[in-house]
Amino acid sequence: MLQRSSSSEAWDDYVLQIPVSDRWRIYHRLQELMIKSWCPADGSLRVQVNSCLTAILVRSTVVQFMASRQELIDWLERCWRL
């Protein structure tokens, strides 16, 4: 899902391996969360991860859009049990 970009400088840039059909929805949600991300001409989605919180938010956002309905139900039921 996440691949480190070879051009990272001060922060860690990652390339998200997601279908193009979901790229813009995920990109817009990351923008709402004020997570630096961009969609270069090659069709990828790149994200700047500079903290654990950012990594958790990126993962949560991707799962929200990519997981099946049953996976989301199972996750919610596990949360309720805790």
PDB file of N, CA and C in Angstrom:
ATOM      1  N   MET A   1       0.820  -1.187   0.000  1.00  0.00           N
ATOM      2  CA  MET A   1       0.000   0.000   0.000  1.00  0.00           C
ATOM      3  C   MET A   1       0.861   1.246   0.000  1.00  0.00           C
ATOM      4  N   LEU A   2       1.961   1.219   0.744  1.00  0.00           N
ATOM      5  CA  LEU A   2       2.805   2.395   0.887  1.00  0.00           C
ATOM      6  C   LEU A   2       4.206   2.061   0.414  1.00  0.00           C
ATOM      7  N   GLN A   3       4.757   2.914  -0.412  1.00  0.00           N
ATOM      8  CA  GLN A   3       6.108   2.705  -0.912  1.00  0.00           C
ATOM      9  C   GLN A   3       6.891   3.995  -0.767  1.00  0.00           C
ATOM     10  N   ARG A   4       8.080   3.911  -0.176  1.00  0.00           N
ATOM     11  CA  ARG A   4       8.910   5.098   0.035  1.00  0.00           C
ATOM     12  C   ARG A   4       9.382   5.637  -1.309  1.00  0.00           C
ATOM     13  N   SER A   5       9.262   6.941  -1.475  1.00  0.00           N
ATOM     14  CA  SER A   5       9.727   7.608  -2.680  1.00  0.00           C
ATOM     15  C   SER A   5      11.243   7.720  -2.639  1.00  0.00           C
ATOM     16  N   SER A   6      11.874   7.610  -3.779  1.00  0.00           N
ATOM     17  CA  SER A   6      13.331   7.705  -3.835  1.00  0.00           C
ATOM     18  C   SER A   6      13.811   9.140  -3.737  1.00  0.00           C
ATOM     19  N   SER A   7      12.910  10.104  -3.832  1.00  0.00           N
ATOM     20  CA  SER A   7      13.311  11.510  -3.829  1.00  0.00           C
ATOM     21  C   SER A   7      12.999  12.212  -2.511  1.00  0.00           C
ATOM     22  N   SER A   8      12.953  11.471  -1.415  1.00  0.00           N
ATOM     23  CA  SER A   8      12.622  12.100  -0.147  1.00  0.00           C
ATOM     24  C   SER A   8      13.781  12.944   0.361  1.00  0.00           C
ATOM     25  N   GLU A   9      13.444  14.059   0.981  1.00  0.00           N
ATOM     26  CA  GLU A   9      14.460  14.965   1.512  1.00  0.00           C
ATOM     27  C   GLU A   9      14.308  15.011   3.028  1.00  0.00           C
ATOM     28  N   ALA A  10      13.859  16.153   3.569  1.00  0.00           N
ATOM     29  CA  ALA A  10      13.736  16.320   5.013  1.00  0.00           C
ATOM     30  C   ALA A  10      12.626  15.444   5.583  1.00  0.00           C
ATOM     31  N   TRP A  11      11.551  15.265   4.842  1.00  0.00           N
ATOM     32  CA  TRP A  11      10.434  14.442   5.291  1.00  0.00           C
ATOM     33  C   TRP A  11      10.430  13.169   4.475  1.00  0.00           C
ATOM     34  N   ASP A  12       9.651  12.204   4.905  1.00  0.00           N
ATOM     35  CA  ASP A  12       9.516  10.969   4.150  1.00  0.00           C
ATOM     36  C   ASP A  12       8.324  11.079   3.221  1.00  0.00           C
ATOM     37  N   ASP A  13       8.567  10.955   1.936  1.00  0.00           N
ATOM     38  CA  ASP A  13       7.502  10.953   0.938  1.00  0.00           C
ATOM     39  C   ASP A  13       7.212   9.507   0.566  1.00  0.00           C
ATOM     40  N   TYR A  14       5.946   9.170   0.455  1.00  0.00           N
ATOM     41  CA  TYR A  14       5.542   7.820   0.114  1.00  0.00           C
ATOM     42  C   TYR A  14       4.596   7.849  -1.071  1.00  0.00           C
ATOM     43  N   VAL A  15       4.641   6.791  -1.864  1.00  0.00           N
ATOM     44  CA  VAL A  15       3.734   6.618  -2.987  1.00  0.00           C
ATOM     45  C   VAL A  15       2.702   5.589  -2.567  1.00  0.00           C
ATOM     46  N   LEU A  16       1.432   5.966  -2.612  1.00  0.00           N
ATOM     47  CA  LEU A  16       0.364   5.037  -2.260  1.00  0.00           C
ATOM     48  C   LEU A  16       0.006   4.198  -3.477  1.00  0.00           C
ATOM     49  N   GLN A  17      -0.031   2.898  -3.297  1.00  0.00           N
ATOM     50  CA  GLN A  17      -0.395   1.976  -4.366  1.00  0.00           C
ATOM     51  C   GLN A  17      -1.893   1.717  -4.279  1.00  0.00           C
ATOM     52  N   ILE A  18      -2.658   2.563  -4.946  1.00  0.00           N
ATOM     53  CA  ILE A  18      -4.117   2.452  -4.908  1.00  0.00           C
ATOM     54  C   ILE A  18      -4.664   2.567  -6.321  1.00  0.00           C
ATOM     55  N   PRO A  19      -5.859   2.033  -6.554  1.00  0.00           N
ATOM     56  CA  PRO A  19      -6.461   2.169  -7.884  1.00  0.00           C
ATOM     57  C   PRO A  19      -6.714   3.632  -8.225  1.00  0.00           C
ATOM     58  N   VAL A  20      -6.565   3.944  -9.490  1.00  0.00           N
ATOM     59  CA  VAL A  20      -6.769   5.318  -9.956  1.00  0.00           C
ATOM     60  C   VAL A  20      -8.188   5.786  -9.643  1.00  0.00           C
ATOM     61  N   SER A  21      -9.142   4.871  -9.666  1.00  0.00           N
ATOM     62  CA  SER A  21     -10.540   5.241  -9.427  1.00  0.00           C
ATOM     63  C   SER A  21     -10.760   5.803  -8.018  1.00  0.00           C
ATOM     64  N   ASP A  22      -9.928   5.414  -7.059  1.00  0.00           N
ATOM     65  CA  ASP A  22     -10.069   5.898  -5.683  1.00  0.00           C
ATOM     66  C   ASP A  22      -9.096   7.024  -5.337  1.00  0.00           C
ATOM     67  N   ARG A  23      -8.164   7.292  -6.226  1.00  0.00           N
ATOM     68  CA  ARG A  23      -7.092   8.241  -5.941  1.00  0.00           C
ATOM     69  C   ARG A  23      -7.605   9.619  -5.560  1.00  0.00           C
ATOM     70  N   TRP A  24      -8.518  10.184  -6.321  1.00  0.00           N
ATOM     71  CA  TRP A  24      -8.969  11.548  -6.054  1.00  0.00           C
ATOM     72  C   TRP A  24      -9.775  11.650  -4.777  1.00  0.00           C
ATOM     73  N   ARG A  25     -10.595  10.651  -4.475  1.00  0.00           N
ATOM     74  CA  ARG A  25     -11.362  10.682  -3.223  1.00  0.00           C
ATOM     75  C   ARG A  25     -10.423  10.646  -2.021  1.00  0.00           C
ATOM     76  N   ILE A  26      -9.410   9.784  -2.083  1.00  0.00           N
ATOM     77  CA  ILE A  26      -8.451   9.692  -0.992  1.00  0.00           C
ATOM     78  C   ILE A  26      -7.637  10.977  -0.904  1.00  0.00           C
ATOM     79  N   TYR A  27      -7.210  11.480  -2.044  1.00  0.00           N
ATOM     80  CA  TYR A  27      -6.446  12.736  -2.076  1.00  0.00           C
ATOM     81  C   TYR A  27      -7.225  13.867  -1.407  1.00  0.00           C
ATOM     82  N   HIS A  28      -8.500  14.027  -1.752  1.00  0.00           N
ATOM     83  CA  HIS A  28      -9.313  15.105  -1.170  1.00  0.00           C
ATOM     84  C   HIS A  28      -9.502  14.918   0.330  1.00  0.00           C
ATOM     85  N   ARG A  29      -9.665  13.683   0.776  1.00  0.00           N
ATOM     86  CA  ARG A  29      -9.803  13.447   2.218  1.00  0.00           C
ATOM     87  C   ARG A  29      -8.506  13.783   2.943  1.00  0.00           C
ATOM     88  N   LEU A  30      -7.371  13.430   2.367  1.00  0.00           N
ATOM     89  CA  LEU A  30      -6.087  13.774   2.983  1.00  0.00           C
ATOM     90  C   LEU A  30      -5.910  15.290   3.053  1.00  0.00           C
ATOM     91  N   GLN A  31      -6.371  16.001   2.036  1.00  0.00           N
ATOM     92  CA  GLN A  31      -6.304  17.457   2.052  1.00  0.00           C
ATOM     93  C   GLN A  31      -7.168  18.017   3.182  1.00  0.00           C
ATOM     94  N   GLU A  32      -8.358  17.438   3.386  1.00  0.00           N
ATOM     95  CA  GLU A  32      -9.217  17.871   4.491  1.00  0.00           C
ATOM     96  C   GLU A  32      -8.531  17.663   5.843  1.00  0.00           C
ATOM     97  N   LEU A  33      -7.725  16.619   5.936  1.00  0.00           N
ATOM     98  CA  LEU A  33      -6.997  16.330   7.173  1.00  0.00           C
ATOM     99  C   LEU A  33      -5.692  17.129   7.267  1.00  0.00           C
ATOM    100  N   MET A  34      -5.455  17.988   6.283  1.00  0.00           N
ATOM    101  CA  MET A  34      -4.257  18.831   6.205  1.00  0.00           C
ATOM    102  C   MET A  34      -2.977  17.994   6.146  1.00  0.00           C
ATOM    103  N   ILE A  35      -3.038  16.893   5.414  1.00  0.00           N
ATOM    104  CA  ILE A  35      -1.876  16.047   5.174  1.00  0.00           C
ATOM    105  C   ILE A  35      -1.383  16.370   3.776  1.00  0.00           C
ATOM    106  N   LYS A  36      -0.118  16.751   3.678  1.00  0.00           N
ATOM    107  CA  LYS A  36       0.444  17.127   2.399  1.00  0.00           C
ATOM    108  C   LYS A  36       0.463  15.926   1.462  1.00  0.00           C
ATOM    109  N   SER A  37      -0.219  16.055   0.352  1.00  0.00           N
ATOM    110  CA  SER A  37      -0.275  14.995  -0.645  1.00  0.00           C
ATOM    111  C   SER A  37      -0.442  15.639  -2.014  1.00  0.00           C
ATOM    112  N   TRP A  38      -0.071  14.902  -3.048  1.00  0.00           N
ATOM    113  CA  TRP A  38      -0.183  15.429  -4.402  1.00  0.00           C
ATOM    114  C   TRP A  38      -0.294  14.269  -5.380  1.00  0.00           C
ATOM    115  N   CYS A  39      -0.838  14.589  -6.544  1.00  0.00           N
ATOM    116  CA  CYS A  39      -1.033  13.605  -7.605  1.00  0.00           C
ATOM    117  C   CYS A  39      -0.223  14.040  -8.817  1.00  0.00           C
ATOM    118  N   PRO A  40       0.982  13.502  -8.998  1.00  0.00           N
ATOM    119  CA  PRO A  40       1.792  13.877 -10.150  1.00  0.00           C
ATOM    120  C   PRO A  40       1.215  13.313 -11.450  1.00  0.00           C
ATOM    121  N   ALA A  41       1.788  13.725 -12.553  1.00  0.00           N
ATOM    122  CA  ALA A  41       1.291  13.324 -13.874  1.00  0.00           C
ATOM    123  C   ALA A  41       1.383  11.821 -14.126  1.00  0.00           C
ATOM    124  N   ASP A  42       2.206  11.106 -13.361  1.00  0.00           N
ATOM    125  CA  ASP A  42       2.347   9.660 -13.583  1.00  0.00           C
ATOM    126  C   ASP A  42       1.152   8.857 -13.056  1.00  0.00           C
ATOM    127  N   GLY A  43       0.185   9.530 -12.417  1.00  0.00           N
ATOM    128  CA  GLY A  43      -1.027   8.868 -11.950  1.00  0.00           C
ATOM    129  C   GLY A  43      -0.953   8.337 -10.532  1.00  0.00           C
ATOM    130  N   SER A  44       0.169   8.517  -9.867  1.00  0.00           N
ATOM    131  CA  SER A  44       0.300   8.025  -8.492  1.00  0.00           C
ATOM    132  C   SER A  44      -0.241   9.051  -7.502  1.00  0.00           C
ATOM    133  N   LEU A  45      -0.357   8.633  -6.260  1.00  0.00           N
ATOM    134  CA  LEU A  45      -0.718   9.532  -5.162  1.00  0.00           C
ATOM    135  C   LEU A  45       0.443   9.522  -4.188  1.00  0.00           C
ATOM    136  N   ARG A  46       1.039  10.671  -3.953  1.00  0.00           N
ATOM    137  CA  ARG A  46       2.180  10.778  -3.049  1.00  0.00           C
ATOM    138  C   ARG A  46       1.756  11.502  -1.787  1.00  0.00           C
ATOM    139  N   VAL A  47       2.305  11.035  -0.667  1.00  0.00           N
ATOM    140  CA  VAL A  47       1.926  11.560   0.641  1.00  0.00           C
ATOM    141  C   VAL A  47       3.186  11.847   1.435  1.00  0.00           C
ATOM    142  N   GLN A  48       3.187  12.953   2.153  1.00  0.00           N
ATOM    143  CA  GLN A  48       4.306  13.300   3.024  1.00  0.00           C
ATOM    144  C   GLN A  48       3.950  12.867   4.443  1.00  0.00           C
ATOM    145  N   VAL A  49       4.733  11.935   4.982  1.00  0.00           N
ATOM    146  CA  VAL A  49       4.492  11.402   6.320  1.00  0.00           C
ATOM    147  C   VAL A  49       5.611  11.887   7.222  1.00  0.00           C
ATOM    148  N   ASN A  50       5.259  12.733   8.209  1.00  0.00           N
ATOM    149  CA  ASN A  50       6.284  13.286   9.092  1.00  0.00           C
ATOM    150  C   ASN A  50       6.028  12.992  10.562  1.00  0.00           C
ATOM    151  N   SER A  51       5.066  12.109  10.843  1.00  0.00           N
ATOM    152  CA  SER A  51       4.803  11.724  12.229  1.00  0.00           C
ATOM    153  C   SER A  51       4.008  10.417  12.252  1.00  0.00           C
ATOM    154  N   CYS A  52       3.986   9.800  13.419  1.00  0.00           N
ATOM    155  CA  CYS A  52       3.185   8.581  13.585  1.00  0.00           C
ATOM    156  C   CYS A  52       1.706   8.869  13.379  1.00  0.00           C
ATOM    157  N   LEU A  53       1.259  10.021  13.886  1.00  0.00           N
ATOM    158  CA  LEU A  53      -0.145  10.392  13.728  1.00  0.00           C
ATOM    159  C   LEU A  53      -0.515  10.505  12.253  1.00  0.00           C
ATOM    160  N   THR A  54       0.352  11.116  11.464  1.00  0.00           N
ATOM    161  CA  THR A  54       0.087  11.245  10.033  1.00  0.00           C
ATOM    162  C   THR A  54       0.000   9.869   9.388  1.00  0.00           C
ATOM    163  N   ALA A  55       0.900   8.967   9.748  1.00  0.00           N
ATOM    164  CA  ALA A  55       0.873   7.613   9.194  1.00  0.00           C
ATOM    165  C   ALA A  55      -0.428   6.900   9.544  1.00  0.00           C
ATOM    166  N   ILE A  56      -0.887   7.058  10.772  1.00  0.00           N
ATOM    167  CA  ILE A  56      -2.143   6.438  11.200  1.00  0.00           C
ATOM    168  C   ILE A  56      -3.324   7.023  10.424  1.00  0.00           C
ATOM    169  N   LEU A  57      -3.338   8.340  10.247  1.00  0.00           N
ATOM    170  CA  LEU A  57      -4.425   8.987   9.510  1.00  0.00           C
ATOM    171  C   LEU A  57      -4.439   8.567   8.043  1.00  0.00           C
ATOM    172  N   VAL A  58      -3.265   8.437   7.440  1.00  0.00           N
ATOM    173  CA  VAL A  58      -3.192   7.995   6.042  1.00  0.00           C
ATOM    174  C   VAL A  58      -3.721   6.574   5.932  1.00  0.00           C
ATOM    175  N   ARG A  59      -3.267   5.696   6.820  1.00  0.00           N
ATOM    176  CA  ARG A  59      -3.733   4.311   6.781  1.00  0.00           C
ATOM    177  C   ARG A  59      -5.242   4.233   6.978  1.00  0.00           C
ATOM    178  N   SER A  60      -5.747   4.966   7.956  1.00  0.00           N
ATOM    179  CA  SER A  60      -7.176   4.967   8.237  1.00  0.00           C
ATOM    180  C   SER A  60      -7.983   5.462   7.039  1.00  0.00           C
ATOM    181  N   THR A  61      -7.494   6.500   6.390  1.00  0.00           N
ATOM    182  CA  THR A  61      -8.187   7.052   5.224  1.00  0.00           C
ATOM    183  C   THR A  61      -8.222   6.048   4.084  1.00  0.00           C
ATOM    184  N   VAL A  62      -7.093   5.404   3.822  1.00  0.00           N
ATOM    185  CA  VAL A  62      -7.038   4.431   2.729  1.00  0.00           C
ATOM    186  C   VAL A  62      -7.959   3.255   3.028  1.00  0.00           C
ATOM    187  N   VAL A  63      -7.927   2.762   4.257  1.00  0.00           N
ATOM    188  CA  VAL A  63      -8.784   1.636   4.628  1.00  0.00           C
ATOM    189  C   VAL A  63     -10.259   2.022   4.479  1.00  0.00           C
ATOM    190  N   GLN A  64     -10.605   3.229   4.879  1.00  0.00           N
ATOM    191  CA  GLN A  64     -11.993   3.696   4.780  1.00  0.00           C
ATOM    192  C   GLN A  64     -12.510   3.588   3.349  1.00  0.00           C
ATOM    193  N   PHE A  65     -11.676   3.883   2.379  1.00  0.00           N
ATOM    194  CA  PHE A  65     -12.103   3.866   0.981  1.00  0.00           C
ATOM    195  C   PHE A  65     -11.880   2.524   0.294  1.00  0.00           C
ATOM    196  N   MET A  66     -10.930   1.732   0.770  1.00  0.00           N
ATOM    197  CA  MET A  66     -10.541   0.517   0.062  1.00  0.00           C
ATOM    198  C   MET A  66     -11.129  -0.768   0.648  1.00  0.00           C
ATOM    199  N   ALA A  67     -11.460  -0.770   1.924  1.00  0.00           N
ATOM    200  CA  ALA A  67     -11.946  -1.997   2.568  1.00  0.00           C
ATOM    201  C   ALA A  67     -13.354  -2.341   2.087  1.00  0.00           C
ATOM    202  N   SER A  68     -13.618  -3.616   2.101  1.00  0.00           N
ATOM    203  CA  SER A  68     -14.972  -4.057   1.751  1.00  0.00           C
ATOM    204  C   SER A  68     -15.927  -3.728   2.900  1.00  0.00           C
ATOM    205  N   ARG A  69     -17.193  -3.770   2.601  1.00  0.00           N
ATOM    206  CA  ARG A  69     -18.199  -3.498   3.633  1.00  0.00           C
ATOM    207  C   ARG A  69     -18.049  -4.474   4.792  1.00  0.00           C
ATOM    208  N   GLN A  70     -17.814  -5.757   4.476  1.00  0.00           N
ATOM    209  CA  GLN A  70     -17.675  -6.766   5.524  1.00  0.00           C
ATOM    210  C   GLN A  70     -16.439  -6.510   6.383  1.00  0.00           C
ATOM    211  N   GLU A  71     -15.340  -6.095   5.794  1.00  0.00           N
ATOM    212  CA  GLU A  71     -14.142  -5.784   6.566  1.00  0.00           C
ATOM    213  C   GLU A  71     -14.402  -4.625   7.522  1.00  0.00           C
ATOM    214  N   LEU A  72     -15.142  -3.624   7.076  1.00  0.00           N
ATOM    215  CA  LEU A  72     -15.457  -2.488   7.937  1.00  0.00           C
ATOM    216  C   LEU A  72     -16.395  -2.896   9.076  1.00  0.00           C
ATOM    217  N   ILE A  73     -17.348  -3.763   8.779  1.00  0.00           N
ATOM    218  CA  ILE A  73     -18.261  -4.271   9.814  1.00  0.00           C
ATOM    219  C   ILE A  73     -17.478  -5.064  10.858  1.00  0.00           C
ATOM    220  N   ASP A  74     -16.589  -5.939  10.397  1.00  0.00           N
ATOM    221  CA  ASP A  74     -15.775  -6.746  11.317  1.00  0.00           C
ATOM    222  C   ASP A  74     -14.922  -5.849  12.208  1.00  0.00           C
ATOM    223  N   TRP A  75     -14.320  -4.816  11.618  1.00  0.00           N
ATOM    224  CA  TRP A  75     -13.490  -3.877  12.386  1.00  0.00           C
ATOM    225  C   TRP A  75     -14.330  -3.168  13.450  1.00  0.00           C
ATOM    226  N   LEU A  76     -15.511  -2.706  13.078  1.00  0.00           N
ATOM    227  CA  LEU A  76     -16.394  -2.020  14.015  1.00  0.00           C
ATOM    228  C   LEU A  76     -16.828  -2.952  15.150  1.00  0.00           C
ATOM    229  N   GLU A  77     -17.135  -4.194  14.836  1.00  0.00           N
ATOM    230  CA  GLU A  77     -17.518  -5.144  15.882  1.00  0.00           C
ATOM    231  C   GLU A  77     -16.367  -5.410  16.840  1.00  0.00           C
ATOM    232  N   ARG A  78     -15.135  -5.487  16.329  1.00  0.00           N
ATOM    233  CA  ARG A  78     -13.969  -5.653  17.211  1.00  0.00           C
ATOM    234  C   ARG A  78     -13.814  -4.455  18.135  1.00  0.00           C
ATOM    235  N   CYS A  79     -14.041  -3.270  17.616  1.00  0.00           N
ATOM    236  CA  CYS A  79     -13.961  -2.057  18.446  1.00  0.00           C
ATOM    237  C   CYS A  79     -15.005  -2.082  19.560  1.00  0.00           C
ATOM    238  N   TRP A  80     -16.219  -2.505  19.238  1.00  0.00           N
ATOM    239  CA  TRP A  80     -17.277  -2.535  20.240  1.00  0.00           C
ATOM    240  C   TRP A  80     -16.931  -3.527  21.358  1.00  0.00           C
ATOM    241  N   ARG A  81     -16.279  -4.645  21.002  1.00  0.00           N
ATOM    242  CA  ARG A  81     -15.908  -5.648  22.000  1.00  0.00           C
ATOM    243  C   ARG A  81     -14.830  -5.129  22.944  1.00  0.00           C
ATOM    244  N   LEU A  82     -13.991  -4.219  22.466  1.00  0.00           N
ATOM    245  CA  LEU A  82     -12.935  -3.694  23.330  1.00  0.00           C
ATOM    246  C   LEU A  82     -13.537  -2.722  24.309  1.00  0.00           C
TER     247      LEU A  82
END
